[in-house]
């Protein structure tokens, strides 16, 4: 992998982590339990990374 690809992957991971944290905090503030909030955040992160990897696969 070249440096641009590595930085792109790190950016995608950072964005996914921020989205997961925001989704988990939002779910927690709306009254969901901790386990449900964590699963909501994990789902948001998986969706964001899935979209990123699908875009990379379509590009190549």
C-alpha atoms as a PDB file:
ATOM      1  CA  UNK A   1       0.000   0.000   0.000  1.00  0.00           C
ATOM      2  CA  UNK A   2       1.241   3.457  -0.776  1.00  0.00           C
ATOM      3  CA  UNK A   3       1.036   6.351   1.708  1.00  0.00           C
ATOM      4  CA  UNK A   4      -2.073   7.848   0.112  1.00  0.00           C
ATOM      5  CA  UNK A   5      -3.991   4.584   0.494  1.00  0.00           C
ATOM      6  CA  UNK A   6      -2.901   4.248   4.125  1.00  0.00           C
ATOM      7  CA  UNK A   7      -3.950   7.814   4.937  1.00  0.00           C
ATOM      8  CA  UNK A   8      -7.259   7.273   3.154  1.00  0.00           C
ATOM      9  CA  UNK A   9      -7.929   4.155   5.221  1.00  0.00           C
ATOM     10  CA  UNK A  10      -7.024   5.974   8.438  1.00  0.00           C
ATOM     11  CA  UNK A  11      -9.385   8.801   7.489  1.00  0.00           C
ATOM     12  CA  UNK A  12     -12.199   6.302   6.859  1.00  0.00           C
ATOM     13  CA  UNK A  13     -11.563   4.645  10.224  1.00  0.00           C
ATOM     14  CA  UNK A  14     -11.552   8.009  11.974  1.00  0.00           C
ATOM     15  CA  UNK A  15     -14.835   9.028  10.376  1.00  0.00           C
ATOM     16  CA  UNK A  16     -16.404   5.668  11.229  1.00  0.00           C
ATOM     17  CA  UNK A  17     -15.294   6.016  14.847  1.00  0.00           C
ATOM     18  CA  UNK A  18     -16.749   9.521  15.085  1.00  0.00           C
ATOM     19  CA  UNK A  19     -20.038   8.375  13.563  1.00  0.00           C
ATOM     20  CA  UNK A  20     -20.201   5.407  15.932  1.00  0.00           C
ATOM     21  CA  UNK A  21     -19.562   7.608  18.962  1.00  0.00           C
ATOM     22  CA  UNK A  22     -22.193  10.134  17.898  1.00  0.00           C
ATOM     23  CA  UNK A  23     -24.750   7.392  17.229  1.00  0.00           C
ATOM     24  CA  UNK A  24     -24.052   5.699  20.563  1.00  0.00           C
ATOM     25  CA  UNK A  25     -24.296   8.959  22.510  1.00  0.00           C
ATOM     26  CA  UNK A  26     -27.508   9.876  20.705  1.00  0.00           C
ATOM     27  CA  UNK A  27     -29.042   6.483  21.412  1.00  0.00           C
ATOM     28  CA  UNK A  28     -27.981   6.671  25.050  1.00  0.00           C
ATOM     29  CA  UNK A  29     -29.455  10.151  25.494  1.00  0.00           C
ATOM     30  CA  UNK A  30     -32.785   9.047  24.054  1.00  0.00           C
ATOM     31  CA  UNK A  31     -33.167   6.462  26.787  1.00  0.00           C
ATOM     32  CA  UNK A  32     -31.718   3.326  25.252  1.00  0.00           C
ATOM     33  CA  UNK A  33     -29.722   1.010  27.458  1.00  0.00           C
ATOM     34  CA  UNK A  34     -25.957   0.905  27.306  1.00  0.00           C
ATOM     35  CA  UNK A  35     -25.844  -2.372  25.389  1.00  0.00           C
ATOM     36  CA  UNK A  36     -28.337  -1.121  22.826  1.00  0.00           C
ATOM     37  CA  UNK A  37     -26.408   2.143  22.423  1.00  0.00           C
ATOM     38  CA  UNK A  38     -23.154   0.236  21.836  1.00  0.00           C
ATOM     39  CA  UNK A  39     -24.832  -1.972  19.229  1.00  0.00           C
ATOM     40  CA  UNK A  40     -26.277   1.101  17.532  1.00  0.00           C
ATOM     41  CA  UNK A  41     -22.834   2.693  17.387  1.00  0.00           C
ATOM     42  CA  UNK A  42     -21.252  -0.489  16.079  1.00  0.00           C
ATOM     43  CA  UNK A  43     -23.896  -0.715  13.385  1.00  0.00           C
ATOM     44  CA  UNK A  44     -23.223   2.863  12.326  1.00  0.00           C
ATOM     45  CA  UNK A  45     -19.478   2.189  12.148  1.00  0.00           C
ATOM     46  CA  UNK A  46     -19.972  -1.006  10.161  1.00  0.00           C
ATOM     47  CA  UNK A  47     -22.263   0.786   7.726  1.00  0.00           C
ATOM     48  CA  UNK A  48     -19.791   3.636   7.216  1.00  0.00           C
ATOM     49  CA  UNK A  49     -16.887   1.267   6.616  1.00  0.00           C
ATOM     50  CA  UNK A  50     -19.014  -0.911   4.355  1.00  0.00           C
ATOM     51  CA  UNK A  51     -19.854   2.084   2.201  1.00  0.00           C
ATOM     52  CA  UNK A  52     -16.184   3.078   2.076  1.00  0.00           C
ATOM     53  CA  UNK A  53     -15.011  -0.399   1.061  1.00  0.00           C
ATOM     54  CA  UNK A  54     -17.804  -0.679  -1.522  1.00  0.00           C
ATOM     55  CA  UNK A  55     -16.690   2.612  -3.047  1.00  0.00           C
ATOM     56  CA  UNK A  56     -13.074   1.429  -3.132  1.00  0.00           C
ATOM     57  CA  UNK A  57     -14.109  -1.847  -4.752  1.00  0.00           C
ATOM     58  CA  UNK A  58     -16.174  -0.023  -7.375  1.00  0.00           C
ATOM     59  CA  UNK A  59     -13.285   2.321  -8.102  1.00  0.00           C
ATOM     60  CA  UNK A  60     -10.856  -0.497  -8.821  1.00  0.00           C
END
